[in-house]
Amino acid sequence: MLSLFSESANADEQGWVMGITIALFTLGSGLISLAGDAMMAIDAALPFITSVASFLVALVFIATLWRQTDVRSLETPTIGKR
């Protein structure tokens, strides 16, 4: 995901894009920590169940969104191909 963000920005915007990306990642991690505590108060297995459900949702998003032309255009060619 970081490489897709990096490829979508030019050299002048790299710092900004990476800074925002890391800030959002950190915010998400903090929110998950707080939510995990609340979920464990309900049931000890609830954070793990939520993790599996989130993984499956992310997998569906990746399977559908990675096929779009604008995302495919961000892929870097493999070595040997031009």
PDB file of N, CA and C in Angstrom:
ATOM      1  N   MET A   1       0.825  -1.179   0.000  1.00  0.00           N
ATOM      2  CA  MET A   1       0.000   0.000   0.000  1.00  0.00           C
ATOM      3  C   MET A   1       0.875   1.250   0.000  1.00  0.00           C
ATOM      4  N   LEU A   2       1.933   1.231   0.787  1.00  0.00           N
ATOM      5  CA  LEU A   2       2.828   2.384   0.812  1.00  0.00           C
ATOM      6  C   LEU A   2       3.469   2.621  -0.543  1.00  0.00           C
ATOM      7  N   SER A   3       3.812   1.551  -1.234  1.00  0.00           N
ATOM      8  CA  SER A   3       4.437   1.728  -2.547  1.00  0.00           C
ATOM      9  C   SER A   3       3.443   2.300  -3.558  1.00  0.00           C
ATOM     10  N   LEU A   4       2.164   1.937  -3.457  1.00  0.00           N
ATOM     11  CA  LEU A   4       1.157   2.529  -4.349  1.00  0.00           C
ATOM     12  C   LEU A   4       1.019   4.026  -4.088  1.00  0.00           C
ATOM     13  N   PHE A   5       1.003   4.413  -2.809  1.00  0.00           N
ATOM     14  CA  PHE A   5       0.938   5.833  -2.492  1.00  0.00           C
ATOM     15  C   PHE A   5       2.175   6.553  -2.996  1.00  0.00           C
ATOM     16  N   SER A   6       3.324   5.928  -2.818  1.00  0.00           N
ATOM     17  CA  SER A   6       4.573   6.538  -3.250  1.00  0.00           C
ATOM     18  C   SER A   6       4.615   6.716  -4.761  1.00  0.00           C
ATOM     19  N   GLU A   7       4.141   5.719  -5.489  1.00  0.00           N
ATOM     20  CA  GLU A   7       4.142   5.785  -6.953  1.00  0.00           C
ATOM     21  C   GLU A   7       3.136   6.808  -7.483  1.00  0.00           C
ATOM     22  N   SER A   8       2.104   7.113  -6.687  1.00  0.00           N
ATOM     23  CA  SER A   8       1.079   8.032  -7.169  1.00  0.00           C
ATOM     24  C   SER A   8       1.460   9.497  -6.992  1.00  0.00           C
ATOM     25  N   ALA A   9       2.541   9.770  -6.277  1.00  0.00           N
ATOM     26  CA  ALA A   9       2.961  11.150  -6.039  1.00  0.00           C
ATOM     27  C   ALA A   9       4.283  11.424  -6.751  1.00  0.00           C
ATOM     28  N   ASN A  10       4.449  12.659  -7.201  1.00  0.00           N
ATOM     29  CA  ASN A  10       5.718  13.010  -7.827  1.00  0.00           C
ATOM     30  C   ASN A  10       6.763  13.298  -6.743  1.00  0.00           C
ATOM     31  N   ALA A  11       7.991  13.585  -7.145  1.00  0.00           N
ATOM     32  CA  ALA A  11       9.096  13.751  -6.192  1.00  0.00           C
ATOM     33  C   ALA A  11       8.864  14.915  -5.238  1.00  0.00           C
ATOM     34  N   ASP A  12       8.165  15.948  -5.671  1.00  0.00           N
ATOM     35  CA  ASP A  12       7.917  17.104  -4.816  1.00  0.00           C
ATOM     36  C   ASP A  12       6.909  16.809  -3.704  1.00  0.00           C
ATOM     37  N   GLU A  13       6.065  15.820  -3.897  1.00  0.00           N
ATOM     38  CA  GLU A  13       5.010  15.508  -2.931  1.00  0.00           C
ATOM     39  C   GLU A  13       5.288  14.255  -2.110  1.00  0.00           C
ATOM     40  N   GLN A  14       6.430  13.622  -2.291  1.00  0.00           N
ATOM     41  CA  GLN A  14       6.728  12.366  -1.595  1.00  0.00           C
ATOM     42  C   GLN A  14       6.660  12.512  -0.084  1.00  0.00           C
ATOM     43  N   GLY A  15       7.295  13.542   0.466  1.00  0.00           N
ATOM     44  CA  GLY A  15       7.302  13.724   1.917  1.00  0.00           C
ATOM     45  C   GLY A  15       5.918  13.914   2.481  1.00  0.00           C
ATOM     46  N   TRP A  16       5.116  14.714   1.793  1.00  0.00           N
ATOM     47  CA  TRP A  16       3.758  14.974   2.241  1.00  0.00           C
ATOM     48  C   TRP A  16       2.923  13.696   2.217  1.00  0.00           C
ATOM     49  N   VAL A  17       2.990  12.964   1.122  1.00  0.00           N
ATOM     50  CA  VAL A  17       2.191  11.748   0.978  1.00  0.00           C
ATOM     51  C   VAL A  17       2.598  10.702   2.018  1.00  0.00           C
ATOM     52  N   MET A  18       3.896  10.503   2.194  1.00  0.00           N
ATOM     53  CA  MET A  18       4.355   9.512   3.169  1.00  0.00           C
ATOM     54  C   MET A  18       4.045   9.955   4.601  1.00  0.00           C
ATOM     55  N   GLY A  19       4.152  11.248   4.878  1.00  0.00           N
ATOM     56  CA  GLY A  19       3.828  11.752   6.212  1.00  0.00           C
ATOM     57  C   GLY A  19       2.365  11.539   6.559  1.00  0.00           C
ATOM     58  N   ILE A  20       1.484  11.860   5.629  1.00  0.00           N
ATOM     59  CA  ILE A  20       0.044  11.661   5.860  1.00  0.00           C
ATOM     60  C   ILE A  20      -0.270  10.171   5.996  1.00  0.00           C
ATOM     61  N   THR A  21       0.357   9.343   5.182  1.00  0.00           N
ATOM     62  CA  THR A  21       0.111   7.905   5.234  1.00  0.00           C
ATOM     63  C   THR A  21       0.512   7.333   6.587  1.00  0.00           C
ATOM     64  N   ILE A  22       1.697   7.700   7.078  1.00  0.00           N
ATOM     65  CA  ILE A  22       2.153   7.196   8.373  1.00  0.00           C
ATOM     66  C   ILE A  22       1.286   7.751   9.503  1.00  0.00           C
ATOM     67  N   ALA A  23       0.867   9.011   9.385  1.00  0.00           N
ATOM     68  CA  ALA A  23      -0.002   9.597  10.410  1.00  0.00           C
ATOM     69  C   ALA A  23      -1.338   8.859  10.479  1.00  0.00           C
ATOM     70  N   LEU A  24      -1.914   8.539   9.328  1.00  0.00           N
ATOM     71  CA  LEU A  24      -3.174   7.789   9.311  1.00  0.00           C
ATOM     72  C   LEU A  24      -2.998   6.375   9.845  1.00  0.00           C
ATOM     73  N   PHE A  25      -1.866   5.750   9.526  1.00  0.00           N
ATOM     74  CA  PHE A  25      -1.577   4.420  10.055  1.00  0.00           C
ATOM     75  C   PHE A  25      -1.480   4.460  11.581  1.00  0.00           C
ATOM     76  N   THR A  26      -0.803   5.476  12.104  1.00  0.00           N
ATOM     77  CA  THR A  26      -0.657   5.608  13.551  1.00  0.00           C
ATOM     78  C   THR A  26      -2.004   5.880  14.209  1.00  0.00           C
ATOM     79  N   LEU A  27      -2.818   6.729  13.611  1.00  0.00           N
ATOM     80  CA  LEU A  27      -4.153   6.998  14.139  1.00  0.00           C
ATOM     81  C   LEU A  27      -4.986   5.713  14.163  1.00  0.00           C
ATOM     82  N   GLY A  28      -4.935   4.961  13.087  1.00  0.00           N
ATOM     83  CA  GLY A  28      -5.669   3.702  13.035  1.00  0.00           C
ATOM     84  C   GLY A  28      -5.199   2.710  14.084  1.00  0.00           C
ATOM     85  N   SER A  29      -3.895   2.644  14.299  1.00  0.00           N
ATOM     86  CA  SER A  29      -3.363   1.735  15.319  1.00  0.00           C
ATOM     87  C   SER A  29      -3.828   2.132  16.710  1.00  0.00           C
ATOM     88  N   GLY A  30      -3.843   3.429  16.972  1.00  0.00           N
ATOM     89  CA  GLY A  30      -4.311   3.900  18.281  1.00  0.00           C
ATOM     90  C   GLY A  30      -5.781   3.617  18.491  1.00  0.00           C
ATOM     91  N   LEU A  31      -6.577   3.841  17.453  1.00  0.00           N
ATOM     92  CA  LEU A  31      -8.009   3.565  17.571  1.00  0.00           C
ATOM     93  C   LEU A  31      -8.280   2.080  17.772  1.00  0.00           C
ATOM     94  N   ILE A  32      -7.516   1.244  17.087  1.00  0.00           N
ATOM     95  CA  ILE A  32      -7.689  -0.204  17.246  1.00  0.00           C
ATOM     96  C   ILE A  32      -7.316  -0.633  18.661  1.00  0.00           C
ATOM     97  N   SER A  33      -6.288  -0.010  19.225  1.00  0.00           N
ATOM     98  CA  SER A  33      -5.900  -0.333  20.602  1.00  0.00           C
ATOM     99  C   SER A  33      -7.023   0.002  21.576  1.00  0.00           C
ATOM    100  N   LEU A  34      -7.618   1.169  21.399  1.00  0.00           N
ATOM    101  CA  LEU A  34      -8.725   1.555  22.278  1.00  0.00           C
ATOM    102  C   LEU A  34      -9.950   0.662  22.055  1.00  0.00           C
ATOM    103  N   ALA A  35     -10.246   0.386  20.807  1.00  0.00           N
ATOM    104  CA  ALA A  35     -11.403  -0.466  20.499  1.00  0.00           C
ATOM    105  C   ALA A  35     -11.166  -1.894  20.984  1.00  0.00           C
ATOM    106  N   GLY A  36      -9.916  -2.367  20.878  1.00  0.00           N
ATOM    107  CA  GLY A  36      -9.604  -3.721  21.341  1.00  0.00           C
ATOM    108  C   GLY A  36      -9.842  -3.873  22.827  1.00  0.00           C
ATOM    109  N   ASP A  37      -9.511  -2.846  23.592  1.00  0.00           N
ATOM    110  CA  ASP A  37      -9.755  -2.877  25.028  1.00  0.00           C
ATOM    111  C   ASP A  37     -11.245  -2.966  25.323  1.00  0.00           C
ATOM    112  N   ALA A  38     -12.033  -2.166  24.610  1.00  0.00           N
ATOM    113  CA  ALA A  38     -13.478  -2.198  24.813  1.00  0.00           C
ATOM    114  C   ALA A  38     -14.069  -3.543  24.375  1.00  0.00           C
ATOM    115  N   MET A  39     -13.549  -4.100  23.271  1.00  0.00           N
ATOM    116  CA  MET A  39     -14.065  -5.391  22.796  1.00  0.00           C
ATOM    117  C   MET A  39     -13.710  -6.516  23.762  1.00  0.00           C
ATOM    118  N   MET A  40     -12.510  -6.463  24.356  1.00  0.00           N
ATOM    119  CA  MET A  40     -12.123  -7.512  25.300  1.00  0.00           C
ATOM    120  C   MET A  40     -12.951  -7.457  26.575  1.00  0.00           C
ATOM    121  N   ALA A  41     -13.505  -6.284  26.893  1.00  0.00           N
ATOM    122  CA  ALA A  41     -14.401  -6.185  28.045  1.00  0.00           C
ATOM    123  C   ALA A  41     -15.695  -6.952  27.783  1.00  0.00           C
ATOM    124  N   ILE A  42     -16.067  -7.057  26.512  1.00  0.00           N
ATOM    125  CA  ILE A  42     -17.277  -7.803  26.147  1.00  0.00           C
ATOM    126  C   ILE A  42     -16.970  -9.296  26.086  1.00  0.00           C
ATOM    127  N   ASP A  43     -15.930  -9.653  25.314  1.00  0.00           N
ATOM    128  CA  ASP A  43     -15.526 -11.048  25.174  1.00  0.00           C
ATOM    129  C   ASP A  43     -14.061 -11.060  24.759  1.00  0.00           C
ATOM    130  N   ALA A  44     -13.272 -11.947  25.348  1.00  0.00           N
ATOM    131  CA  ALA A  44     -11.836 -11.995  25.077  1.00  0.00           C
ATOM    132  C   ALA A  44     -11.526 -12.362  23.624  1.00  0.00           C
ATOM    133  N   ALA A  45     -12.399 -13.088  22.962  1.00  0.00           N
ATOM    134  CA  ALA A  45     -12.157 -13.508  21.580  1.00  0.00           C
ATOM    135  C   ALA A  45     -12.644 -12.489  20.560  1.00  0.00           C
ATOM    136  N   LEU A  46     -13.383 -11.479  20.974  1.00  0.00           N
ATOM    137  CA  LEU A  46     -13.975 -10.526  20.036  1.00  0.00           C
ATOM    138  C   LEU A  46     -12.939  -9.763  19.202  1.00  0.00           C
ATOM    139  N   PRO A  47     -11.793  -9.323  19.757  1.00  0.00           N
ATOM    140  CA  PRO A  47     -10.804  -8.663  18.895  1.00  0.00           C
ATOM    141  C   PRO A  47     -10.265  -9.570  17.793  1.00  0.00           C
ATOM    142  N   PHE A  48     -10.106 -10.845  18.091  1.00  0.00           N
ATOM    143  CA  PHE A  48      -9.603 -11.783  17.081  1.00  0.00           C
ATOM    144  C   PHE A  48     -10.646 -12.045  16.004  1.00  0.00           C
ATOM    145  N   ILE A  49     -11.889 -12.150  16.397  1.00  0.00           N
ATOM    146  CA  ILE A  49     -12.971 -12.331  15.426  1.00  0.00           C
ATOM    147  C   ILE A  49     -13.073 -11.099  14.527  1.00  0.00           C
ATOM    148  N   THR A  50     -12.947  -9.919  15.132  1.00  0.00           N
ATOM    149  CA  THR A  50     -12.982  -8.681  14.362  1.00  0.00           C
ATOM    150  C   THR A  50     -11.806  -8.600  13.404  1.00  0.00           C
ATOM    151  N   SER A  51     -10.647  -9.071  13.832  1.00  0.00           N
ATOM    152  CA  SER A  51      -9.468  -9.068  12.956  1.00  0.00           C
ATOM    153  C   SER A  51      -9.680  -9.948  11.736  1.00  0.00           C
ATOM    154  N   VAL A  52     -10.233 -11.119  11.935  1.00  0.00           N
ATOM    155  CA  VAL A  52     -10.487 -12.029  10.816  1.00  0.00           C
ATOM    156  C   VAL A  52     -11.524 -11.421   9.873  1.00  0.00           C
ATOM    157  N   ALA A  53     -12.573 -10.833  10.429  1.00  0.00           N
ATOM    158  CA  ALA A  53     -13.597 -10.201   9.590  1.00  0.00           C
ATOM    159  C   ALA A  53     -13.000  -9.025   8.798  1.00  0.00           C
ATOM    160  N   SER A  54     -12.152  -8.232   9.439  1.00  0.00           N
ATOM    161  CA  SER A  54     -11.511  -7.105   8.749  1.00  0.00           C
ATOM    162  C   SER A  54     -10.587  -7.591   7.648  1.00  0.00           C
ATOM    163  N   PHE A  55      -9.877  -8.687   7.898  1.00  0.00           N
ATOM    164  CA  PHE A  55      -9.012  -9.270   6.880  1.00  0.00           C
ATOM    165  C   PHE A  55      -9.826  -9.689   5.657  1.00  0.00           C
ATOM    166  N   LEU A  56     -10.960 -10.311   5.880  1.00  0.00           N
ATOM    167  CA  LEU A  56     -11.786 -10.761   4.765  1.00  0.00           C
ATOM    168  C   LEU A  56     -12.342  -9.582   3.970  1.00  0.00           C
ATOM    169  N   VAL A  57     -12.746  -8.515   4.661  1.00  0.00           N
ATOM    170  CA  VAL A  57     -13.234  -7.322   3.968  1.00  0.00           C
ATOM    171  C   VAL A  57     -12.108  -6.698   3.145  1.00  0.00           C
ATOM    172  N   ALA A  58     -10.905  -6.614   3.727  1.00  0.00           N
ATOM    173  CA  ALA A  58      -9.762  -6.061   3.000  1.00  0.00           C
ATOM    174  C   ALA A  58      -9.425  -6.911   1.788  1.00  0.00           C
ATOM    175  N   LEU A  59      -9.521  -8.220   1.911  1.00  0.00           N
ATOM    176  CA  LEU A  59      -9.248  -9.119   0.801  1.00  0.00           C
ATOM    177  C   LEU A  59     -10.230  -8.893  -0.343  1.00  0.00           C
ATOM    178  N   VAL A  60     -11.492  -8.669  -0.015  1.00  0.00           N
ATOM    179  CA  VAL A  60     -12.495  -8.380  -1.047  1.00  0.00           C
ATOM    180  C   VAL A  60     -12.183  -7.048  -1.725  1.00  0.00           C
ATOM    181  N   PHE A  61     -11.811  -6.025  -0.931  1.00  0.00           N
ATOM    182  CA  PHE A  61     -11.445  -4.735  -1.516  1.00  0.00           C
ATOM    183  C   PHE A  61     -10.247  -4.863  -2.444  1.00  0.00           C
ATOM    184  N   ILE A  62      -9.241  -5.596  -2.022  1.00  0.00           N
ATOM    185  CA  ILE A  62      -8.052  -5.770  -2.853  1.00  0.00           C
ATOM    186  C   ILE A  62      -8.405  -6.494  -4.146  1.00  0.00           C
ATOM    187  N   ALA A  63      -9.212  -7.536  -4.041  1.00  0.00           N
ATOM    188  CA  ALA A  63      -9.580  -8.309  -5.231  1.00  0.00           C
ATOM    189  C   ALA A  63     -10.367  -7.472  -6.235  1.00  0.00           C
ATOM    190  N   THR A  64     -11.152  -6.520  -5.750  1.00  0.00           N
ATOM    191  CA  THR A  64     -11.951  -5.714  -6.675  1.00  0.00           C
ATOM    192  C   THR A  64     -11.233  -4.443  -7.113  1.00  0.00           C
ATOM    193  N   LEU A  65     -10.587  -3.748  -6.199  1.00  0.00           N
ATOM    194  CA  LEU A  65     -10.004  -2.453  -6.537  1.00  0.00           C
ATOM    195  C   LEU A  65      -8.683  -2.562  -7.287  1.00  0.00           C
ATOM    196  N   TRP A  66      -7.931  -3.634  -7.079  1.00  0.00           N
ATOM    197  CA  TRP A  66      -6.639  -3.768  -7.749  1.00  0.00           C
ATOM    198  C   TRP A  66      -6.809  -3.994  -9.250  1.00  0.00           C
ATOM    199  N   ARG A  67      -7.992  -4.336  -9.682  1.00  0.00           N
ATOM    200  CA  ARG A  67      -8.235  -4.579 -11.110  1.00  0.00           C
ATOM    201  C   ARG A  67      -8.511  -3.301 -11.886  1.00  0.00           C
ATOM    202  N   GLN A  68      -8.733  -2.197 -11.198  1.00  0.00           N
ATOM    203  CA  GLN A  68      -9.041  -0.948 -11.884  1.00  0.00           C
ATOM    204  C   GLN A  68      -7.826  -0.453 -12.657  1.00  0.00           C
ATOM    205  N   THR A  69      -8.083   0.193 -13.775  1.00  0.00           N
ATOM    206  CA  THR A  69      -7.025   0.639 -14.669  1.00  0.00           C
ATOM    207  C   THR A  69      -6.099   1.645 -14.011  1.00  0.00           C
ATOM    208  N   ASP A  70      -6.645   2.580 -13.230  1.00  0.00           N
ATOM    209  CA  ASP A  70      -5.787   3.594 -12.622  1.00  0.00           C
ATOM    210  C   ASP A  70      -4.862   3.009 -11.565  1.00  0.00           C
ATOM    211  N   VAL A  71      -5.276   1.964 -10.883  1.00  0.00           N
ATOM    212  CA  VAL A  71      -4.403   1.302  -9.913  1.00  0.00           C
ATOM    213  C   VAL A  71      -3.360   0.464 -10.648  1.00  0.00           C
ATOM    214  N   ARG A  72      -3.759  -0.221 -11.692  1.00  0.00           N
ATOM    215  CA  ARG A  72      -2.818  -1.023 -12.485  1.00  0.00           C
ATOM    216  C   ARG A  72      -1.725  -0.158 -13.112  1.00  0.00           C
ATOM    217  N   SER A  73      -2.064   1.084 -13.453  1.00  0.00           N
ATOM    218  CA  SER A  73      -1.074   1.953 -14.074  1.00  0.00           C
ATOM    219  C   SER A  73       0.029   2.361 -13.099  1.00  0.00           C
ATOM    220  N   LEU A  74      -0.202   2.200 -11.791  1.00  0.00           N
ATOM    221  CA  LEU A  74       0.811   2.536 -10.789  1.00  0.00           C
ATOM    222  C   LEU A  74       1.838   1.431 -10.598  1.00  0.00           C
ATOM    223  N   GLU A  75       1.563   0.238 -11.108  1.00  0.00           N
ATOM    224  CA  GLU A  75       2.503  -0.874 -10.962  1.00  0.00           C
ATOM    225  C   GLU A  75       3.787  -0.570 -11.689  1.00  0.00           C
ATOM    226  N   THR A  76       4.897  -0.896 -11.066  1.00  0.00           N
ATOM    227  CA  THR A  76       6.189  -0.728 -11.727  1.00  0.00           C
ATOM    228  C   THR A  76       6.476  -1.981 -12.537  1.00  0.00           C
ATOM    229  N   PRO A  77       7.075  -1.829 -13.697  1.00  0.00           N
ATOM    230  CA  PRO A  77       7.386  -3.012 -14.511  1.00  0.00           C
ATOM    231  C   PRO A  77       8.425  -3.881 -13.819  1.00  0.00           C
ATOM    232  N   THR A  78       8.338  -5.177 -14.037  1.00  0.00           N
ATOM    233  CA  THR A  78       9.315  -6.084 -13.448  1.00  0.00           C
ATOM    234  C   THR A  78      10.642  -5.980 -14.183  1.00  0.00           C
ATOM    235  N   ILE A  79      11.687  -6.454 -13.564  1.00  0.00           N
ATOM    236  CA  ILE A  79      13.025  -6.382 -14.162  1.00  0.00           C
ATOM    237  C   ILE A  79      13.037  -7.196 -15.458  1.00  0.00           C
ATOM    238  N   GLY A  80      13.580  -6.628 -16.490  1.00  0.00           N
ATOM    239  CA  GLY A  80      13.679  -7.315 -17.775  1.00  0.00           C
ATOM    240  C   GLY A  80      12.582  -6.932 -18.730  1.00  0.00           C
ATOM    241  N   LYS A  81      11.455  -6.393 -18.222  1.00  0.00           N
ATOM    242  CA  LYS A  81      10.377  -5.963 -19.099  1.00  0.00           C
ATOM    243  C   LYS A  81      10.494  -4.475 -19.327  1.00  0.00           C
ATOM    244  N   ARG A  82      10.106  -4.036 -20.501  1.00  0.00           N
ATOM    245  CA  ARG A  82      10.118  -2.601 -20.812  1.00  0.00           C
ATOM    246  C   ARG A  82       8.809  -2.178 -21.367  1.00  0.00           C
TER     247      ARG A  82
END
